[in-house]
Amino acid sequence: MKIAICPGSFDPVTLGHLDIINRSRKVFDKTIVAVLVNPEKHTMFTVEERIELLKRCTCEMADVEVVGFDGLLADYARERGVTAIVKGLRALSDFEYEFQQALTNKKLNPSLETMFLTTSAENMFLSSSIVKQIARFGGDISNFVPGCILSDIKERLNAGEESHDE
């Protein structure tokens, strides 16, 4: 079985994220969507909340598993029998950082490959940060995030809450 992992913070999950997850499913038998735990990062949603939001967005995808993890991605991939990391690239500026990460992960886990998928043209500008910024200023984010989590994002922003991963 060929298993891929799509790691990220997913704070919040966007239609761009779902596009990469869906495209990964065409290549791999199983895709693990891994929500990174980073205690130093201020997030809108806790790790548990992000996992729950992703599960709701992928509930009809039997070949997708949503998990949270901390530590080294290369080690986690080895533990789970993952053959490839799938990362989405929006722009050339994403490539330098992701290429460095891919080389590091390959050094830590020589059997692990990294696959870069270029984002769809309609999602090239889209990031979780942009979504949060638009929403904070009252803009319409309905074309940027899955409809099943739109109200969760609006409620969180209206409450003005941020969390720390722990």
C-alpha atoms as a PDB file:
ATOM      1  CA  MET A   1       0.000   0.000   0.000  1.00  0.00           C
ATOM      2  CA  LYS A   2       1.382   3.402  -0.965  1.00  0.00           C
ATOM      3  CA  ILE A   3       0.762   5.922   1.803  1.00  0.00           C
ATOM      4  CA  ALA A   4       1.320   9.679   1.565  1.00  0.00           C
ATOM      5  CA  ILE A   5       1.331  12.311   4.261  1.00  0.00           C
ATOM      6  CA  CYS A   6       0.136  15.888   3.798  1.00  0.00           C
ATOM      7  CA  PRO A   7       1.503  17.853   6.753  1.00  0.00           C
ATOM      8  CA  GLY A   8       0.528  21.376   7.730  1.00  0.00           C
ATOM      9  CA  SER A   9      -0.902  23.655  10.339  1.00  0.00           C
ATOM     10  CA  PHE A  10      -4.321  23.929   8.613  1.00  0.00           C
ATOM     11  CA  ASP A  11      -5.321  26.979  10.659  1.00  0.00           C
ATOM     12  CA  PRO A  12      -7.907  26.993   9.148  1.00  0.00           C
ATOM     13  CA  VAL A  13      -8.174  24.453   6.336  1.00  0.00           C
ATOM     14  CA  THR A  14      -8.759  26.115   2.956  1.00  0.00           C
ATOM     15  CA  LEU A  15     -10.045  24.965  -0.394  1.00  0.00           C
ATOM     16  CA  GLY A  16      -6.408  24.971  -1.516  1.00  0.00           C
ATOM     17  CA  HIS A  17      -5.556  22.437   1.179  1.00  0.00           C
ATOM     18  CA  LEU A  18      -8.467  20.228   0.122  1.00  0.00           C
ATOM     19  CA  ASP A  19      -7.370  20.457  -3.512  1.00  0.00           C
ATOM     20  CA  ILE A  20      -3.902  19.102  -2.624  1.00  0.00           C
ATOM     21  CA  ILE A  21      -5.412  16.369  -0.427  1.00  0.00           C
ATOM     22  CA  ASN A  22      -7.775  15.295  -3.224  1.00  0.00           C
ATOM     23  CA  ARG A  23      -4.996  15.241  -5.792  1.00  0.00           C
ATOM     24  CA  SER A  24      -2.835  13.160  -3.441  1.00  0.00           C
ATOM     25  CA  ARG A  25      -5.652  10.623  -3.283  1.00  0.00           C
ATOM     26  CA  LYS A  26      -5.340  10.064  -7.046  1.00  0.00           C
ATOM     27  CA  VAL A  27      -1.727   8.909  -6.655  1.00  0.00           C
ATOM     28  CA  PHE A  28      -1.695   7.108  -3.295  1.00  0.00           C
ATOM     29  CA  ASP A  29      -3.800   4.378  -1.725  1.00  0.00           C
ATOM     30  CA  LYS A  30      -4.049   6.308   1.532  1.00  0.00           C
ATOM     31  CA  THR A  31      -3.373   9.918   2.491  1.00  0.00           C
ATOM     32  CA  ILE A  32      -2.639  10.909   6.073  1.00  0.00           C
ATOM     33  CA  VAL A  33      -3.404  14.558   6.762  1.00  0.00           C
ATOM     34  CA  ALA A  34      -1.103  15.469   9.641  1.00  0.00           C
ATOM     35  CA  VAL A  35      -1.800  18.533  11.749  1.00  0.00           C
ATOM     36  CA  LEU A  36       1.447  19.830  13.193  1.00  0.00           C
ATOM     37  CA  VAL A  37       1.688  20.637  16.883  1.00  0.00           C
ATOM     38  CA  ASN A  38       3.792  23.750  17.395  1.00  0.00           C
ATOM     39  CA  PRO A  39       3.563  25.216  20.913  1.00  0.00           C
ATOM     40  CA  GLU A  40       5.378  28.388  19.835  1.00  0.00           C
ATOM     41  CA  LYS A  41       2.852  29.248  17.167  1.00  0.00           C
ATOM     42  CA  HIS A  42      -0.267  31.288  17.902  1.00  0.00           C
ATOM     43  CA  THR A  43      -3.189  29.617  16.198  1.00  0.00           C
ATOM     44  CA  MET A  44      -6.842  30.419  15.796  1.00  0.00           C
ATOM     45  CA  PHE A  45      -7.837  26.818  16.539  1.00  0.00           C
ATOM     46  CA  THR A  46      -6.276  24.255  18.865  1.00  0.00           C
ATOM     47  CA  VAL A  47      -4.766  21.103  17.375  1.00  0.00           C
ATOM     48  CA  GLU A  48      -7.823  19.122  18.442  1.00  0.00           C
ATOM     49  CA  GLU A  49     -10.149  21.655  16.815  1.00  0.00           C
ATOM     50  CA  ARG A  50      -8.146  21.671  13.571  1.00  0.00           C
ATOM     51  CA  ILE A  51      -8.248  17.872  13.478  1.00  0.00           C
ATOM     52  CA  GLU A  52     -12.009  17.942  13.984  1.00  0.00           C
ATOM     53  CA  LEU A  53     -12.488  20.578  11.256  1.00  0.00           C
ATOM     54  CA  LEU A  54     -10.375  18.541   8.831  1.00  0.00           C
ATOM     55  CA  LYS A  55     -12.290  15.369   9.683  1.00  0.00           C
ATOM     56  CA  ARG A  56     -15.535  17.144   8.846  1.00  0.00           C
ATOM     57  CA  CYS A  57     -14.069  18.381   5.542  1.00  0.00           C
ATOM     58  CA  THR A  58     -12.805  14.915   4.577  1.00  0.00           C
ATOM     59  CA  CYS A  59     -15.568  12.750   6.072  1.00  0.00           C
ATOM     60  CA  GLU A  60     -16.557  11.380   2.658  1.00  0.00           C
ATOM     61  CA  MET A  61     -12.970  10.411   1.800  1.00  0.00           C
ATOM     62  CA  ALA A  62     -12.524   6.873   3.144  1.00  0.00           C
ATOM     63  CA  ASP A  63      -8.867   6.829   2.084  1.00  0.00           C
ATOM     64  CA  VAL A  64      -7.968   9.895   4.178  1.00  0.00           C
ATOM     65  CA  GLU A  65      -6.941   9.774   7.829  1.00  0.00           C
ATOM     66  CA  VAL A  66      -6.569  12.972   9.864  1.00  0.00           C
ATOM     67  CA  VAL A  67      -4.101  12.941  12.754  1.00  0.00           C
ATOM     68  CA  GLY A  68      -2.140  15.315  14.945  1.00  0.00           C
ATOM     69  CA  PHE A  69       1.547  14.846  15.588  1.00  0.00           C
ATOM     70  CA  ASP A  70       4.602  16.517  17.028  1.00  0.00           C
ATOM     71  CA  GLY A  71       8.246  15.719  16.564  1.00  0.00           C
ATOM     72  CA  LEU A  72      10.080  15.045  13.337  1.00  0.00           C
ATOM     73  CA  LEU A  73       7.987  14.402  10.251  1.00  0.00           C
ATOM     74  CA  ALA A  74      10.616  11.958   8.929  1.00  0.00           C
ATOM     75  CA  ASP A  75      10.302   9.846  12.090  1.00  0.00           C
ATOM     76  CA  TYR A  76       6.510   9.933  12.085  1.00  0.00           C
ATOM     77  CA  ALA A  77       6.472   8.921   8.411  1.00  0.00           C
ATOM     78  CA  ARG A  78       8.747   5.964   9.160  1.00  0.00           C
ATOM     79  CA  GLU A  79       6.490   4.837  12.024  1.00  0.00           C
ATOM     80  CA  ARG A  80       3.403   4.953   9.794  1.00  0.00           C
ATOM     81  CA  GLY A  81       4.935   3.325   6.698  1.00  0.00           C
ATOM     82  CA  VAL A  82       4.598   6.505   4.656  1.00  0.00           C
ATOM     83  CA  THR A  83       6.333   6.483   1.268  1.00  0.00           C
ATOM     84  CA  ALA A  84       5.928  10.166   0.347  1.00  0.00           C
ATOM     85  CA  ILE A  85       5.300  13.629   1.712  1.00  0.00           C
ATOM     86  CA  VAL A  86       2.923  15.644  -0.455  1.00  0.00           C
ATOM     87  CA  LYS A  87       3.301  19.416  -0.342  1.00  0.00           C
ATOM     88  CA  GLY A  88       1.464  22.079  -2.274  1.00  0.00           C
ATOM     89  CA  LEU A  89       3.381  24.937  -3.860  1.00  0.00           C
ATOM     90  CA  ARG A  90       1.628  28.229  -4.513  1.00  0.00           C
ATOM     91  CA  ALA A  91       4.550  30.262  -5.792  1.00  0.00           C
ATOM     92  CA  LEU A  92       8.256  30.084  -6.446  1.00  0.00           C
ATOM     93  CA  SER A  93       8.840  31.607  -3.008  1.00  0.00           C
ATOM     94  CA  ASP A  94       7.333  28.449  -1.417  1.00  0.00           C
ATOM     95  CA  PHE A  95       9.799  26.234  -3.256  1.00  0.00           C
ATOM     96  CA  GLU A  96      13.010  27.304  -1.529  1.00  0.00           C
ATOM     97  CA  TYR A  97      11.722  26.516   1.966  1.00  0.00           C
ATOM     98  CA  GLU A  98       9.950  23.305   0.912  1.00  0.00           C
ATOM     99  CA  PHE A  99      13.004  22.113  -1.040  1.00  0.00           C
ATOM    100  CA  GLN A 100      15.162  22.584   2.062  1.00  0.00           C
ATOM    101  CA  GLN A 101      12.631  20.619   4.123  1.00  0.00           C
ATOM    102  CA  ALA A 102      12.512  17.845   1.504  1.00  0.00           C
ATOM    103  CA  LEU A 103      16.303  17.461   1.518  1.00  0.00           C
ATOM    104  CA  THR A 104      16.363  17.410   5.317  1.00  0.00           C
ATOM    105  CA  ASN A 105      13.604  14.790   5.506  1.00  0.00           C
ATOM    106  CA  LYS A 106      15.401  12.668   2.891  1.00  0.00           C
ATOM    107  CA  LYS A 107      18.588  12.794   4.965  1.00  0.00           C
ATOM    108  CA  LEU A 108      16.676  11.786   8.115  1.00  0.00           C
ATOM    109  CA  ASN A 109      14.641   9.098   6.348  1.00  0.00           C
ATOM    110  CA  PRO A 110      16.271   7.948   3.067  1.00  0.00           C
ATOM    111  CA  SER A 111      13.220   5.897   2.027  1.00  0.00           C
ATOM    112  CA  LEU A 112      10.954   8.967   2.169  1.00  0.00           C
ATOM    113  CA  GLU A 113      10.233  10.918  -1.011  1.00  0.00           C
ATOM    114  CA  THR A 114       8.697  14.379  -1.284  1.00  0.00           C
ATOM    115  CA  MET A 115       6.208  15.189  -4.016  1.00  0.00           C
ATOM    116  CA  PHE A 116       5.414  18.792  -4.854  1.00  0.00           C
ATOM    117  CA  LEU A 117       2.035  19.583  -6.369  1.00  0.00           C
ATOM    118  CA  THR A 118       1.520  22.996  -7.872  1.00  0.00           C
ATOM    119  CA  THR A 119      -1.634  24.577  -6.639  1.00  0.00           C
ATOM    120  CA  SER A 120      -4.582  25.080  -8.934  1.00  0.00           C
ATOM    121  CA  ALA A 121      -4.622  28.503 -10.565  1.00  0.00           C
ATOM    122  CA  GLU A 122      -7.721  29.579  -8.618  1.00  0.00           C
ATOM    123  CA  ASN A 123      -5.918  28.882  -5.316  1.00  0.00           C
ATOM    124  CA  MET A 124      -2.479  30.378  -6.044  1.00  0.00           C
ATOM    125  CA  PHE A 125      -3.009  33.329  -3.713  1.00  0.00           C
ATOM    126  CA  LEU A 126      -4.811  31.379  -1.013  1.00  0.00           C
ATOM    127  CA  SER A 127      -3.346  30.729   2.434  1.00  0.00           C
ATOM    128  CA  SER A 128      -4.739  30.319   5.916  1.00  0.00           C
ATOM    129  CA  SER A 129      -3.179  33.655   6.854  1.00  0.00           C
ATOM    130  CA  ILE A 130      -4.958  35.446   4.014  1.00  0.00           C
ATOM    131  CA  VAL A 131      -8.262  33.817   4.965  1.00  0.00           C
ATOM    132  CA  LYS A 132      -7.887  34.941   8.594  1.00  0.00           C
ATOM    133  CA  GLN A 133      -6.938  38.463   7.565  1.00  0.00           C
ATOM    134  CA  ILE A 134      -9.915  38.833   5.212  1.00  0.00           C
ATOM    135  CA  ALA A 135     -12.293  37.394   7.803  1.00  0.00           C
ATOM    136  CA  ARG A 136     -10.964  39.629  10.603  1.00  0.00           C
ATOM    137  CA  PHE A 137     -11.880  42.666   8.525  1.00  0.00           C
ATOM    138  CA  GLY A 138     -15.355  41.341   7.797  1.00  0.00           C
ATOM    139  CA  GLY A 139     -14.641  40.126   4.272  1.00  0.00           C
ATOM    140  CA  ASP A 140     -16.401  37.224   2.620  1.00  0.00           C
ATOM    141  CA  ILE A 141     -14.324  34.027   2.872  1.00  0.00           C
ATOM    142  CA  SER A 142     -16.998  31.674   1.539  1.00  0.00           C
ATOM    143  CA  ASN A 143     -15.058  31.147  -1.711  1.00  0.00           C
ATOM    144  CA  PHE A 144     -11.877  30.227   0.177  1.00  0.00           C
ATOM    145  CA  VAL A 145     -12.885  27.657   2.809  1.00  0.00           C
ATOM    146  CA  PRO A 146     -15.127  24.584   2.828  1.00  0.00           C
ATOM    147  CA  GLY A 147     -18.735  25.513   3.537  1.00  0.00           C
ATOM    148  CA  CYS A 148     -18.968  22.959   6.337  1.00  0.00           C
ATOM    149  CA  ILE A 149     -16.504  24.952   8.490  1.00  0.00           C
ATOM    150  CA  LEU A 150     -17.353  28.531   7.456  1.00  0.00           C
ATOM    151  CA  SER A 151     -19.484  29.193  10.534  1.00  0.00           C
ATOM    152  CA  ASP A 152     -16.758  27.802  12.845  1.00  0.00           C
ATOM    153  CA  ILE A 153     -14.233  30.282  11.468  1.00  0.00           C
ATOM    154  CA  LYS A 154     -16.634  33.219  11.695  1.00  0.00           C
ATOM    155  CA  GLU A 155     -17.616  32.317  15.262  1.00  0.00           C
ATOM    156  CA  ARG A 156     -13.992  32.046  16.344  1.00  0.00           C
ATOM    157  CA  LEU A 157     -13.066  35.372  14.797  1.00  0.00           C
ATOM    158  CA  ASN A 158     -16.120  37.077  16.282  1.00  0.00           C
ATOM    159  CA  ALA A 159     -15.103  35.747  19.693  1.00  0.00           C
ATOM    160  CA  GLY A 160     -11.605  37.132  19.105  1.00  0.00           C
ATOM    161  CA  GLU A 161      -9.911  34.000  20.443  1.00  0.00           C
ATOM    162  CA  GLU A 162      -6.488  32.635  19.618  1.00  0.00           C
ATOM    163  CA  SER A 163      -4.946  29.550  21.106  1.00  0.00           C
ATOM    164  CA  HIS A 164      -1.517  28.113  21.766  1.00  0.00           C
ATOM    165  CA  ASP A 165      -0.873  24.543  20.730  1.00  0.00           C
ATOM    166  CA  GLU A 166      -0.012  22.455  23.745  1.00  0.00           C
END
